[in-house]
Amino acid sequence: MNKTVTTGEMDLKANEEALRQNPHAVKEQREKNLEVAIGRQVRELRKRQRLTGADLAAQTGLSVGMLSKIENGVISPSLNTISVLAHALRVPLVQLFSGYEEERGCMHVKAGEGVEIERAGTRAGHQYNLLGHIGSNNSGVVVEPYLITLDDASHRFPAFQHEGIELLYMLEGTVNYRHGDQTYLLEPGDSLLFDSDAPHGPEEIVELPAKYLSVITYPQAR
């Protein structure tokens, strides 16, 4: 007997195929000190190519003692020296930096300490508390997490529009939330993920107080 596959099942399978990133993956450990990272790469590449310190020193014009200091992370080599080493080891210059771990941003905000702000487009009765912010980063993405509280049923504004993707997670109360030409009843535990370029916002506040988490992501300005 043939089983009928619904459109919803096909969409779910397509989404599962698209989500291939392992959230528990662990990257190879990297050095926090730039000099040590470069030195380790030079030494490993030299040994992989079965070159002695004297061999590599002769090819680069460096003294054996200078090369030893570089490999042990004792000194910071000039960019010209790094370029000469990369050429002698037959690798791209950037490979000598591949073990270096840049500082990654992190912000911890305690309960009740989110900064209340007047966000662009804020309306009366909408309280925005920014839960954290990381500036320039290598991901190319800006993330703005807000805790939004609606305290007046008379203040509705279902026409916010801005670039990016937004996720809502309902914590308290009940709201009829509009996105484009559709409305969604959001109750505690419900979530809504959408393209925020379409008009959106709370159209009807069914139960007060209403509180939800809003996480907005958009491309970082270059």
N, C-alpha and C. Protein backbone atom coordinates (compact mmCIF):
# COMPACT_ATOMS: atom_id res chain seq x y z
N MET A 1 0.84 -1.19 0.00
CA MET A 1 0.00 0.00 0.00
C MET A 1 0.88 1.25 0.00
N ASN A 2 0.65 2.15 -0.97
CA ASN A 2 1.46 3.35 -1.07
C ASN A 2 1.04 4.37 -0.02
N LYS A 3 2.03 4.99 0.61
CA LYS A 3 1.76 6.02 1.61
C LYS A 3 1.77 7.39 0.94
N THR A 4 0.76 8.20 1.23
CA THR A 4 0.69 9.55 0.69
C THR A 4 1.53 10.48 1.54
N VAL A 5 2.45 11.20 0.91
CA VAL A 5 3.31 12.15 1.62
C VAL A 5 2.71 13.53 1.48
N THR A 6 2.42 14.16 2.61
CA THR A 6 1.81 15.49 2.59
C THR A 6 2.84 16.56 2.29
N THR A 7 2.32 17.74 1.88
CA THR A 7 3.21 18.88 1.60
C THR A 7 3.98 19.28 2.85
N GLY A 8 3.27 19.22 4.01
CA GLY A 8 3.92 19.57 5.27
C GLY A 8 5.10 18.67 5.58
N GLU A 9 4.93 17.35 5.32
CA GLU A 9 6.02 16.39 5.55
C GLU A 9 7.18 16.65 4.61
N MET A 10 6.88 17.03 3.36
CA MET A 10 7.93 17.34 2.40
C MET A 10 8.72 18.57 2.83
N ASP A 11 7.98 19.60 3.30
CA ASP A 11 8.63 20.83 3.77
C ASP A 11 9.52 20.55 4.97
N LEU A 12 9.02 19.71 5.90
CA LEU A 12 9.80 19.38 7.10
C LEU A 12 11.07 18.64 6.72
N LYS A 13 10.95 17.69 5.77
CA LYS A 13 12.11 16.93 5.34
C LYS A 13 13.13 17.85 4.68
N ALA A 14 12.64 18.81 3.87
CA ALA A 14 13.54 19.75 3.21
C ALA A 14 14.27 20.60 4.23
N ASN A 15 13.55 21.03 5.27
CA ASN A 15 14.17 21.84 6.32
C ASN A 15 15.22 21.04 7.08
N GLU A 16 14.92 19.76 7.35
CA GLU A 16 15.87 18.91 8.06
C GLU A 16 17.14 18.72 7.23
N GLU A 17 16.98 18.62 5.90
CA GLU A 17 18.14 18.47 5.03
C GLU A 17 18.98 19.73 5.05
N ALA A 18 18.31 20.90 5.17
CA ALA A 18 19.03 22.18 5.14
C ALA A 18 19.79 22.45 6.43
N LEU A 19 19.29 21.92 7.55
CA LEU A 19 19.91 22.20 8.84
C LEU A 19 20.98 21.16 9.16
N ARG A 20 22.15 21.35 8.59
CA ARG A 20 23.21 20.35 8.73
C ARG A 20 24.27 20.75 9.74
N GLN A 21 24.19 21.96 10.28
CA GLN A 21 25.20 22.39 11.25
C GLN A 21 25.01 21.68 12.57
N ASN A 22 26.09 21.10 13.08
CA ASN A 22 26.04 20.38 14.35
C ASN A 22 26.17 21.38 15.50
N PRO A 23 25.10 21.58 16.31
CA PRO A 23 25.18 22.57 17.39
C PRO A 23 26.13 22.18 18.51
N HIS A 24 26.58 20.93 18.51
CA HIS A 24 27.49 20.46 19.57
C HIS A 24 28.92 20.28 19.06
N ALA A 25 29.18 20.74 17.83
CA ALA A 25 30.52 20.57 17.26
C ALA A 25 31.54 21.37 18.05
N VAL A 26 32.76 20.83 18.14
CA VAL A 26 33.85 21.50 18.86
C VAL A 26 34.98 21.74 17.87
N LYS A 27 35.40 23.00 17.76
CA LYS A 27 36.49 23.32 16.85
C LYS A 27 37.82 22.89 17.46
N GLU A 28 38.77 22.66 16.57
CA GLU A 28 40.13 22.32 17.01
C GLU A 28 40.66 23.44 17.92
N GLN A 29 41.27 23.06 19.02
CA GLN A 29 41.78 24.06 19.96
C GLN A 29 42.83 24.93 19.30
N ARG A 30 42.74 26.25 19.55
CA ARG A 30 43.66 27.19 18.95
C ARG A 30 44.45 27.94 20.01
N GLU A 31 45.58 28.47 19.60
CA GLU A 31 46.43 29.23 20.51
C GLU A 31 45.85 30.63 20.69
N LYS A 32 45.93 31.16 21.92
CA LYS A 32 45.46 32.52 22.17
C LYS A 32 46.57 33.54 21.93
N ASN A 33 47.82 33.11 21.92
CA ASN A 33 48.94 34.00 21.72
C ASN A 33 49.38 33.93 20.26
N LEU A 34 49.40 35.08 19.58
CA LEU A 34 49.71 35.09 18.15
C LEU A 34 51.10 34.54 17.85
N GLU A 35 52.12 34.97 18.61
CA GLU A 35 53.48 34.51 18.36
C GLU A 35 53.60 32.98 18.51
N VAL A 36 52.95 32.45 19.54
CA VAL A 36 53.00 31.00 19.78
C VAL A 36 52.28 30.26 18.65
N ALA A 37 51.16 30.81 18.18
CA ALA A 37 50.40 30.18 17.11
C ALA A 37 51.21 30.11 15.82
N ILE A 38 51.87 31.22 15.47
CA ILE A 38 52.69 31.26 14.26
C ILE A 38 53.86 30.28 14.39
N GLY A 39 54.54 30.31 15.54
CA GLY A 39 55.67 29.41 15.77
C GLY A 39 55.28 27.95 15.65
N ARG A 40 54.13 27.60 16.22
CA ARG A 40 53.68 26.21 16.16
C ARG A 40 53.42 25.78 14.72
N GLN A 41 52.80 26.67 13.93
CA GLN A 41 52.52 26.35 12.53
C GLN A 41 53.81 26.17 11.74
N VAL A 42 54.79 27.06 11.96
CA VAL A 42 56.07 26.96 11.25
C VAL A 42 56.75 25.63 11.58
N ARG A 43 56.79 25.28 12.86
CA ARG A 43 57.46 24.04 13.28
C ARG A 43 56.76 22.82 12.71
N GLU A 44 55.41 22.80 12.77
CA GLU A 44 54.68 21.64 12.28
C GLU A 44 54.83 21.48 10.78
N LEU A 45 54.78 22.58 10.04
CA LEU A 45 54.94 22.51 8.58
C LEU A 45 56.36 22.09 8.21
N ARG A 46 57.34 22.60 8.95
CA ARG A 46 58.73 22.22 8.68
C ARG A 46 58.94 20.72 8.88
N LYS A 47 58.43 20.21 10.00
CA LYS A 47 58.60 18.77 10.29
C LYS A 47 57.82 17.92 9.30
N ARG A 48 56.64 18.40 8.90
CA ARG A 48 55.83 17.65 7.94
C ARG A 48 56.57 17.50 6.61
N GLN A 49 57.37 18.51 6.28
CA GLN A 49 58.14 18.48 5.03
C GLN A 49 59.55 17.91 5.23
N ARG A 50 59.78 17.39 6.44
CA ARG A 50 61.05 16.73 6.78
C ARG A 50 62.25 17.65 6.56
N LEU A 51 62.07 18.88 7.00
CA LEU A 51 63.17 19.84 6.95
C LEU A 51 63.73 20.03 8.35
N THR A 52 65.06 20.15 8.44
CA THR A 52 65.66 20.48 9.73
C THR A 52 65.60 21.99 9.91
N GLY A 53 65.85 22.44 11.13
CA GLY A 53 65.90 23.87 11.36
C GLY A 53 66.94 24.54 10.50
N ALA A 54 68.06 23.86 10.31
CA ALA A 54 69.15 24.39 9.48
C ALA A 54 68.71 24.49 8.02
N ASP A 55 67.94 23.49 7.55
CA ASP A 55 67.45 23.52 6.16
C ASP A 55 66.58 24.74 5.92
N LEU A 56 65.59 24.94 6.82
CA LEU A 56 64.67 26.05 6.64
C LEU A 56 65.37 27.39 6.83
N ALA A 57 66.31 27.46 7.77
CA ALA A 57 67.06 28.69 7.98
C ALA A 57 67.84 29.06 6.72
N ALA A 58 68.43 28.08 6.08
CA ALA A 58 69.21 28.33 4.86
C ALA A 58 68.30 28.82 3.73
N GLN A 59 67.10 28.25 3.62
CA GLN A 59 66.18 28.65 2.56
C GLN A 59 65.62 30.05 2.75
N THR A 60 65.52 30.48 3.99
CA THR A 60 64.91 31.78 4.28
C THR A 60 65.91 32.88 4.55
N GLY A 61 67.17 32.51 4.77
CA GLY A 61 68.17 33.52 5.09
C GLY A 61 68.16 33.91 6.56
N LEU A 62 67.40 33.20 7.37
CA LEU A 62 67.37 33.46 8.81
C LEU A 62 68.45 32.63 9.49
N SER A 63 68.88 33.08 10.65
CA SER A 63 69.82 32.28 11.42
C SER A 63 69.04 31.16 12.10
N VAL A 64 69.74 30.07 12.43
CA VAL A 64 69.10 28.95 13.13
C VAL A 64 68.55 29.42 14.47
N GLY A 65 69.29 30.29 15.13
CA GLY A 65 68.83 30.80 16.43
C GLY A 65 67.56 31.62 16.30
N MET A 66 67.48 32.48 15.25
CA MET A 66 66.28 33.29 15.03
C MET A 66 65.08 32.40 14.72
N LEU A 67 65.31 31.37 13.88
CA LEU A 67 64.22 30.46 13.53
C LEU A 67 63.73 29.73 14.77
N SER A 68 64.64 29.33 15.65
CA SER A 68 64.26 28.65 16.88
C SER A 68 63.39 29.55 17.76
N LYS A 69 63.75 30.83 17.84
CA LYS A 69 62.95 31.76 18.64
C LYS A 69 61.55 31.94 18.06
N ILE A 70 61.47 31.98 16.73
CA ILE A 70 60.15 32.11 16.07
C ILE A 70 59.30 30.88 16.36
N GLU A 71 59.89 29.69 16.20
CA GLU A 71 59.14 28.45 16.40
C GLU A 71 58.69 28.29 17.85
N ASN A 72 59.40 28.86 18.77
CA ASN A 72 59.03 28.75 20.19
C ASN A 72 58.19 29.92 20.67
N GLY A 73 57.83 30.82 19.75
CA GLY A 73 56.96 31.93 20.11
C GLY A 73 57.61 32.95 21.02
N VAL A 74 58.92 33.02 20.99
CA VAL A 74 59.66 33.94 21.87
C VAL A 74 59.64 35.36 21.32
N ILE A 75 59.67 35.48 20.00
CA ILE A 75 59.66 36.80 19.38
C ILE A 75 58.51 36.92 18.39
N SER A 76 58.20 38.16 18.03
CA SER A 76 57.14 38.43 17.06
C SER A 76 57.79 38.71 15.71
N PRO A 77 57.69 37.80 14.75
CA PRO A 77 58.34 38.02 13.45
C PRO A 77 57.64 39.12 12.65
N SER A 78 58.41 39.82 11.83
CA SER A 78 57.84 40.86 10.98
C SER A 78 56.99 40.20 9.90
N LEU A 79 56.15 41.00 9.26
CA LEU A 79 55.31 40.48 8.18
C LEU A 79 56.17 39.97 7.03
N ASN A 80 57.29 40.66 6.77
CA ASN A 80 58.19 40.22 5.71
C ASN A 80 58.78 38.85 6.02
N THR A 81 59.16 38.64 7.30
CA THR A 81 59.72 37.35 7.71
C THR A 81 58.67 36.25 7.59
N ILE A 82 57.43 36.56 7.98
CA ILE A 82 56.34 35.57 7.87
C ILE A 82 56.12 35.21 6.41
N SER A 83 56.18 36.22 5.54
CA SER A 83 55.99 35.98 4.11
C SER A 83 57.10 35.09 3.55
N VAL A 84 58.33 35.33 3.97
CA VAL A 84 59.48 34.51 3.52
C VAL A 84 59.32 33.06 4.00
N LEU A 85 58.89 32.89 5.25
CA LEU A 85 58.69 31.55 5.79
C LEU A 85 57.59 30.81 5.03
N ALA A 86 56.49 31.51 4.76
CA ALA A 86 55.38 30.90 4.03
C ALA A 86 55.82 30.46 2.64
N HIS A 87 56.62 31.31 1.98
CA HIS A 87 57.12 30.97 0.64
C HIS A 87 58.01 29.73 0.70
N ALA A 88 58.90 29.69 1.69
CA ALA A 88 59.82 28.55 1.80
C ALA A 88 59.08 27.26 2.13
N LEU A 89 57.99 27.38 2.89
CA LEU A 89 57.20 26.20 3.28
C LEU A 89 56.12 25.87 2.26
N ARG A 90 56.03 26.68 1.21
CA ARG A 90 55.09 26.48 0.10
C ARG A 90 53.63 26.42 0.58
N VAL A 91 53.27 27.40 1.41
CA VAL A 91 51.88 27.51 1.89
C VAL A 91 51.44 28.97 1.78
N PRO A 92 50.13 29.23 1.71
CA PRO A 92 49.66 30.62 1.72
C PRO A 92 50.06 31.29 3.03
N LEU A 93 50.34 32.58 2.97
CA LEU A 93 50.77 33.31 4.16
C LEU A 93 49.77 33.16 5.30
N VAL A 94 48.47 33.20 4.96
CA VAL A 94 47.43 33.16 6.01
C VAL A 94 47.45 31.84 6.78
N GLN A 95 48.01 30.78 6.18
CA GLN A 95 48.03 29.49 6.89
C GLN A 95 48.87 29.56 8.16
N LEU A 96 49.87 30.44 8.18
CA LEU A 96 50.70 30.55 9.38
C LEU A 96 49.94 31.20 10.53
N PHE A 97 48.77 31.82 10.23
CA PHE A 97 47.94 32.42 11.28
C PHE A 97 46.78 31.52 11.67
N SER A 98 46.68 30.35 11.03
CA SER A 98 45.48 29.52 11.18
C SER A 98 45.25 28.98 12.58
N GLY A 99 46.29 28.94 13.41
CA GLY A 99 46.11 28.44 14.77
C GLY A 99 45.77 29.51 15.78
N TYR A 100 45.67 30.77 15.30
CA TYR A 100 45.44 31.88 16.24
C TYR A 100 43.97 32.04 16.56
N GLU A 101 43.67 32.16 17.83
CA GLU A 101 42.29 32.33 18.28
C GLU A 101 42.07 33.77 18.70
N GLU A 102 41.23 34.50 17.92
CA GLU A 102 40.89 35.86 18.30
C GLU A 102 39.91 35.84 19.47
N GLU A 103 39.88 36.94 20.20
CA GLU A 103 38.93 37.05 21.31
C GLU A 103 37.52 37.11 20.76
N ARG A 104 36.61 36.32 21.30
CA ARG A 104 35.22 36.29 20.86
C ARG A 104 34.34 36.97 21.90
N GLY A 105 33.41 37.77 21.43
CA GLY A 105 32.58 38.55 22.33
C GLY A 105 31.58 37.72 23.12
N CYS A 106 31.28 38.17 24.32
CA CYS A 106 30.28 37.52 25.16
C CYS A 106 29.76 38.56 26.15
N MET A 107 28.46 38.54 26.41
CA MET A 107 27.89 39.49 27.36
C MET A 107 26.88 38.77 28.25
N HIS A 108 27.04 38.93 29.57
CA HIS A 108 26.15 38.32 30.54
C HIS A 108 25.30 39.41 31.18
N VAL A 109 23.99 39.29 31.07
CA VAL A 109 23.07 40.27 31.66
C VAL A 109 22.23 39.58 32.72
N LYS A 110 22.33 40.03 33.96
CA LYS A 110 21.56 39.44 35.06
C LYS A 110 20.09 39.80 34.94
N ALA A 111 19.25 38.99 35.57
CA ALA A 111 17.80 39.21 35.54
C ALA A 111 17.46 40.63 36.00
N GLY A 112 16.63 41.30 35.21
CA GLY A 112 16.19 42.65 35.56
C GLY A 112 17.17 43.74 35.21
N GLU A 113 18.32 43.39 34.62
CA GLU A 113 19.34 44.40 34.33
C GLU A 113 19.44 44.75 32.86
N GLY A 114 18.51 44.26 32.04
CA GLY A 114 18.50 44.64 30.62
C GLY A 114 18.26 46.13 30.50
N VAL A 115 19.01 46.79 29.63
CA VAL A 115 18.92 48.25 29.50
C VAL A 115 17.63 48.63 28.78
N GLU A 116 16.80 49.47 29.42
CA GLU A 116 15.58 49.94 28.77
C GLU A 116 15.96 51.00 27.76
N ILE A 117 15.51 50.83 26.53
CA ILE A 117 15.90 51.76 25.48
C ILE A 117 14.69 52.23 24.68
N GLU A 118 14.88 53.33 23.98
CA GLU A 118 13.90 53.81 23.02
C GLU A 118 14.38 53.36 21.65
N ARG A 119 13.89 52.20 21.20
CA ARG A 119 14.31 51.66 19.92
C ARG A 119 13.57 52.38 18.80
N ALA A 120 14.20 52.48 17.64
CA ALA A 120 13.55 53.12 16.49
C ALA A 120 12.20 52.46 16.24
N GLY A 121 11.15 53.27 16.18
CA GLY A 121 9.81 52.74 15.94
C GLY A 121 9.06 52.40 17.20
N THR A 122 9.66 52.60 18.39
CA THR A 122 9.01 52.28 19.65
C THR A 122 7.73 53.11 19.81
N ARG A 123 6.68 52.49 20.29
CA ARG A 123 5.42 53.18 20.52
C ARG A 123 5.10 53.17 22.01
N ALA A 124 4.22 54.09 22.42
CA ALA A 124 3.79 54.15 23.82
C ALA A 124 3.19 52.81 24.21
N GLY A 125 3.50 52.37 25.43
CA GLY A 125 2.98 51.09 25.91
C GLY A 125 3.84 49.91 25.53
N HIS A 126 4.95 50.16 24.77
CA HIS A 126 5.89 49.11 24.39
C HIS A 126 7.20 49.37 25.12
N GLN A 127 7.55 48.53 26.07
CA GLN A 127 8.81 48.69 26.80
C GLN A 127 9.84 47.72 26.24
N TYR A 128 10.97 48.25 25.79
CA TYR A 128 12.05 47.44 25.22
C TYR A 128 13.21 47.40 26.20
N ASN A 129 13.65 46.19 26.56
CA ASN A 129 14.85 46.01 27.37
C ASN A 129 15.85 45.21 26.54
N LEU A 130 16.96 45.87 26.17
CA LEU A 130 18.00 45.20 25.40
C LEU A 130 18.75 44.23 26.31
N LEU A 131 18.85 42.97 25.91
CA LEU A 131 19.43 41.93 26.76
C LEU A 131 20.91 41.67 26.48
N GLY A 132 21.49 42.41 25.56
CA GLY A 132 22.91 42.22 25.28
C GLY A 132 23.24 42.74 23.90
N HIS A 133 24.52 43.01 23.68
CA HIS A 133 24.94 43.50 22.37
C HIS A 133 26.42 43.18 22.16
N ILE A 134 26.73 42.63 20.99
CA ILE A 134 28.11 42.39 20.59
C ILE A 134 28.34 43.18 19.32
N GLY A 135 29.37 44.04 19.33
CA GLY A 135 29.63 44.92 18.19
C GLY A 135 30.21 44.17 17.01
N SER A 136 31.23 44.78 16.41
CA SER A 136 31.85 44.19 15.22
C SER A 136 32.35 42.78 15.52
N ASN A 137 32.03 41.83 14.63
CA ASN A 137 32.44 40.44 14.84
C ASN A 137 32.65 39.79 13.48
N ASN A 138 33.22 38.59 13.51
CA ASN A 138 33.57 37.91 12.26
C ASN A 138 32.42 37.15 11.61
N SER A 139 31.27 37.08 12.27
CA SER A 139 30.15 36.31 11.72
C SER A 139 29.45 37.05 10.59
N GLY A 140 29.59 38.40 10.56
CA GLY A 140 28.90 39.19 9.55
C GLY A 140 27.44 39.43 9.89
N VAL A 141 27.04 39.05 11.11
CA VAL A 141 25.64 39.17 11.52
C VAL A 141 25.54 39.94 12.83
N VAL A 142 24.54 40.84 12.91
CA VAL A 142 24.23 41.54 14.15
C VAL A 142 23.02 40.87 14.77
N VAL A 143 23.05 40.66 16.08
CA VAL A 143 21.93 40.06 16.80
C VAL A 143 21.48 41.02 17.90
N GLU A 144 20.18 41.35 17.91
CA GLU A 144 19.63 42.24 18.93
C GLU A 144 18.54 41.48 19.71
N PRO A 145 18.82 41.07 20.94
CA PRO A 145 17.80 40.38 21.75
C PRO A 145 17.09 41.38 22.66
N TYR A 146 15.77 41.38 22.63
CA TYR A 146 14.98 42.29 23.44
C TYR A 146 13.96 41.52 24.28
N LEU A 147 13.69 42.06 25.47
CA LEU A 147 12.55 41.62 26.25
C LEU A 147 11.51 42.73 26.09
N ILE A 148 10.37 42.41 25.49
CA ILE A 148 9.35 43.42 25.20
C ILE A 148 8.15 43.20 26.10
N THR A 149 7.71 44.28 26.74
CA THR A 149 6.55 44.24 27.63
C THR A 149 5.48 45.18 27.10
N LEU A 150 4.27 44.66 26.95
CA LEU A 150 3.13 45.47 26.53
C LEU A 150 2.23 45.64 27.75
N ASP A 151 2.02 46.90 28.16
CA ASP A 151 1.27 47.12 29.39
C ASP A 151 -0.02 47.90 29.20
N ASP A 152 -0.41 48.15 27.95
CA ASP A 152 -1.62 48.90 27.69
C ASP A 152 -2.30 48.34 26.45
N ALA A 153 -3.49 47.79 26.62
CA ALA A 153 -4.18 47.15 25.51
C ALA A 153 -4.59 48.13 24.43
N SER A 154 -4.58 49.42 24.72
CA SER A 154 -5.00 50.41 23.72
C SER A 154 -3.89 50.77 22.75
N HIS A 155 -2.64 50.36 23.06
CA HIS A 155 -1.53 50.70 22.20
C HIS A 155 -1.13 49.50 21.35
N ARG A 156 -1.57 49.55 20.10
CA ARG A 156 -1.25 48.47 19.15
C ARG A 156 -0.55 49.09 17.94
N PHE A 157 0.35 48.37 17.34
CA PHE A 157 1.03 48.89 16.17
C PHE A 157 1.54 47.74 15.31
N PRO A 158 0.67 47.18 14.46
CA PRO A 158 1.08 46.02 13.65
C PRO A 158 1.75 46.41 12.33
N ALA A 159 2.59 47.42 12.33
CA ALA A 159 3.19 47.87 11.07
C ALA A 159 4.68 48.19 11.19
N PHE A 160 5.39 47.52 12.11
CA PHE A 160 6.84 47.67 12.16
C PHE A 160 7.43 47.04 10.90
N GLN A 161 8.49 47.61 10.36
CA GLN A 161 9.20 47.04 9.23
C GLN A 161 10.68 47.37 9.34
N HIS A 162 11.53 46.37 9.19
CA HIS A 162 12.98 46.58 9.23
C HIS A 162 13.64 45.37 8.60
N GLU A 163 14.90 45.49 8.24
CA GLU A 163 15.58 44.37 7.60
C GLU A 163 15.87 43.25 8.60
N GLY A 164 16.07 42.06 8.07
CA GLY A 164 16.50 40.95 8.91
C GLY A 164 15.45 39.89 9.15
N ILE A 165 15.79 38.98 10.07
CA ILE A 165 14.92 37.89 10.50
C ILE A 165 14.64 38.09 11.98
N GLU A 166 13.42 37.83 12.42
CA GLU A 166 13.05 38.04 13.82
C GLU A 166 12.41 36.78 14.39
N LEU A 167 12.76 36.49 15.63
CA LEU A 167 12.15 35.38 16.36
C LEU A 167 11.45 35.94 17.59
N LEU A 168 10.19 35.58 17.77
CA LEU A 168 9.45 35.93 18.98
C LEU A 168 9.20 34.68 19.80
N TYR A 169 9.33 34.81 21.13
CA TYR A 169 9.01 33.71 22.03
C TYR A 169 8.14 34.29 23.14
N MET A 170 6.91 33.82 23.21
CA MET A 170 5.93 34.38 24.14
C MET A 170 6.17 33.86 25.56
N LEU A 171 6.24 34.80 26.52
CA LEU A 171 6.50 34.45 27.92
C LEU A 171 5.26 34.58 28.79
N GLU A 172 4.53 35.69 28.62
CA GLU A 172 3.32 35.94 29.43
C GLU A 172 2.25 36.56 28.54
N GLY A 173 1.00 36.39 28.97
CA GLY A 173 -0.10 37.04 28.26
C GLY A 173 -0.42 36.38 26.94
N THR A 174 -1.33 37.02 26.20
CA THR A 174 -1.76 36.50 24.91
C THR A 174 -1.91 37.66 23.94
N VAL A 175 -1.38 37.47 22.73
CA VAL A 175 -1.39 38.53 21.73
C VAL A 175 -1.75 37.95 20.37
N ASN A 176 -2.56 38.67 19.62
CA ASN A 176 -2.76 38.37 18.21
C ASN A 176 -1.72 39.18 17.45
N TYR A 177 -0.76 38.48 16.85
CA TYR A 177 0.38 39.16 16.23
C TYR A 177 0.25 39.06 14.71
N ARG A 178 0.37 40.22 14.06
CA ARG A 178 0.24 40.25 12.60
C ARG A 178 1.60 40.19 11.93
N HIS A 179 1.67 39.40 10.85
CA HIS A 179 2.83 39.41 9.95
C HIS A 179 2.28 39.40 8.54
N GLY A 180 2.51 40.49 7.81
CA GLY A 180 1.95 40.59 6.47
C GLY A 180 0.44 40.57 6.53
N ASP A 181 -0.19 39.66 5.80
CA ASP A 181 -1.65 39.58 5.80
C ASP A 181 -2.18 38.45 6.67
N GLN A 182 -1.33 37.90 7.56
CA GLN A 182 -1.74 36.82 8.45
C GLN A 182 -1.62 37.26 9.91
N THR A 183 -2.50 36.72 10.76
CA THR A 183 -2.38 36.97 12.21
C THR A 183 -2.20 35.63 12.91
N TYR A 184 -1.45 35.67 14.03
CA TYR A 184 -1.13 34.46 14.77
C TYR A 184 -1.41 34.70 16.25
N LEU A 185 -2.14 33.77 16.87
CA LEU A 185 -2.42 33.86 18.29
C LEU A 185 -1.21 33.33 19.05
N LEU A 186 -0.54 34.21 19.79
CA LEU A 186 0.65 33.83 20.54
C LEU A 186 0.32 33.73 22.02
N GLU A 187 0.54 32.54 22.58
CA GLU A 187 0.33 32.28 24.00
C GLU A 187 1.66 31.84 24.60
N PRO A 188 1.78 31.83 25.94
CA PRO A 188 3.05 31.45 26.56
C PRO A 188 3.60 30.14 26.02
N GLY A 189 4.87 30.17 25.61
CA GLY A 189 5.51 28.99 25.03
C GLY A 189 5.49 28.96 23.51
N ASP A 190 4.65 29.82 22.90
CA ASP A 190 4.59 29.87 21.44
C ASP A 190 5.76 30.68 20.89
N SER A 191 6.15 30.37 19.65
CA SER A 191 7.19 31.14 18.99
C SER A 191 6.75 31.50 17.58
N LEU A 192 7.35 32.54 17.03
CA LEU A 192 7.05 32.98 15.67
C LEU A 192 8.35 33.46 15.05
N LEU A 193 8.73 32.86 13.93
CA LEU A 193 9.96 33.22 13.22
C LEU A 193 9.57 33.78 11.87
N PHE A 194 10.07 34.99 11.53
CA PHE A 194 9.59 35.61 10.29
C PHE A 194 10.60 36.59 9.69
N ASP A 195 10.37 36.88 8.40
CA ASP A 195 11.11 37.90 7.68
C ASP A 195 10.56 39.24 8.12
N SER A 196 11.40 40.06 8.78
CA SER A 196 10.90 41.30 9.38
C SER A 196 10.79 42.45 8.39
N ASP A 197 11.03 42.19 7.11
CA ASP A 197 10.84 43.22 6.10
C ASP A 197 9.35 43.41 5.79
N ALA A 198 8.53 42.42 6.17
CA ALA A 198 7.08 42.55 6.01
C ALA A 198 6.51 43.30 7.21
N PRO A 199 5.40 44.06 7.03
CA PRO A 199 4.78 44.75 8.17
C PRO A 199 4.41 43.75 9.25
N HIS A 200 4.73 44.06 10.50
CA HIS A 200 4.45 43.12 11.58
C HIS A 200 4.29 43.87 12.90
N GLY A 201 3.65 43.22 13.85
CA GLY A 201 3.48 43.81 15.17
C GLY A 201 2.24 43.28 15.87
N PRO A 202 2.06 43.61 17.16
CA PRO A 202 0.88 43.14 17.92
C PRO A 202 -0.39 43.87 17.46
N GLU A 203 -1.31 43.12 16.89
CA GLU A 203 -2.56 43.74 16.40
C GLU A 203 -3.63 43.79 17.48
N GLU A 204 -3.66 42.76 18.33
CA GLU A 204 -4.65 42.73 19.41
C GLU A 204 -4.02 42.12 20.66
N ILE A 205 -4.08 42.85 21.76
CA ILE A 205 -3.56 42.33 23.02
C ILE A 205 -4.73 41.69 23.76
N VAL A 206 -4.74 40.37 23.81
CA VAL A 206 -5.88 39.62 24.36
C VAL A 206 -5.80 39.57 25.87
N GLU A 207 -4.60 39.36 26.41
CA GLU A 207 -4.45 39.23 27.87
C GLU A 207 -3.20 39.96 28.33
N LEU A 208 -3.38 40.84 29.30
CA LEU A 208 -2.26 41.59 29.90
C LEU A 208 -1.88 40.99 31.25
N PRO A 209 -0.62 41.21 31.72
CA PRO A 209 0.46 41.82 30.95
C PRO A 209 0.98 40.86 29.89
N ALA A 210 1.44 41.42 28.78
CA ALA A 210 1.98 40.60 27.69
C ALA A 210 3.49 40.84 27.62
N LYS A 211 4.23 39.75 27.60
CA LYS A 211 5.69 39.87 27.59
C LYS A 211 6.26 38.80 26.67
N TYR A 212 7.18 39.22 25.80
CA TYR A 212 7.80 38.23 24.91
C TYR A 212 9.24 38.59 24.60
N LEU A 213 10.00 37.57 24.23
CA LEU A 213 11.39 37.74 23.83
C LEU A 213 11.42 37.95 22.31
N SER A 214 12.14 38.96 21.88
CA SER A 214 12.30 39.25 20.45
C SER A 214 13.79 39.22 20.13
N VAL A 215 14.18 38.38 19.18
CA VAL A 215 15.58 38.31 18.75
C VAL A 215 15.64 38.67 17.27
N ILE A 216 16.30 39.77 16.96
CA ILE A 216 16.37 40.27 15.58
C ILE A 216 17.80 40.07 15.08
N THR A 217 17.93 39.54 13.88
CA THR A 217 19.24 39.38 13.25
C THR A 217 19.23 40.07 11.89
N TYR A 218 20.36 40.70 11.56
CA TYR A 218 20.47 41.36 10.25
C TYR A 218 21.95 41.49 9.90
N PRO A 219 22.26 41.70 8.61
CA PRO A 219 23.66 41.76 8.19
C PRO A 219 24.41 42.92 8.84
N GLN A 220 25.64 42.66 9.21
CA GLN A 220 26.49 43.69 9.79
C GLN A 220 26.96 44.65 8.72
N ALA A 221 26.93 45.93 9.01
CA ALA A 221 27.39 46.93 8.05
C ALA A 221 28.88 46.76 7.83
N ARG A 222 29.30 46.82 6.58
CA ARG A 222 30.72 46.64 6.23
C ARG A 222 31.35 47.98 5.86
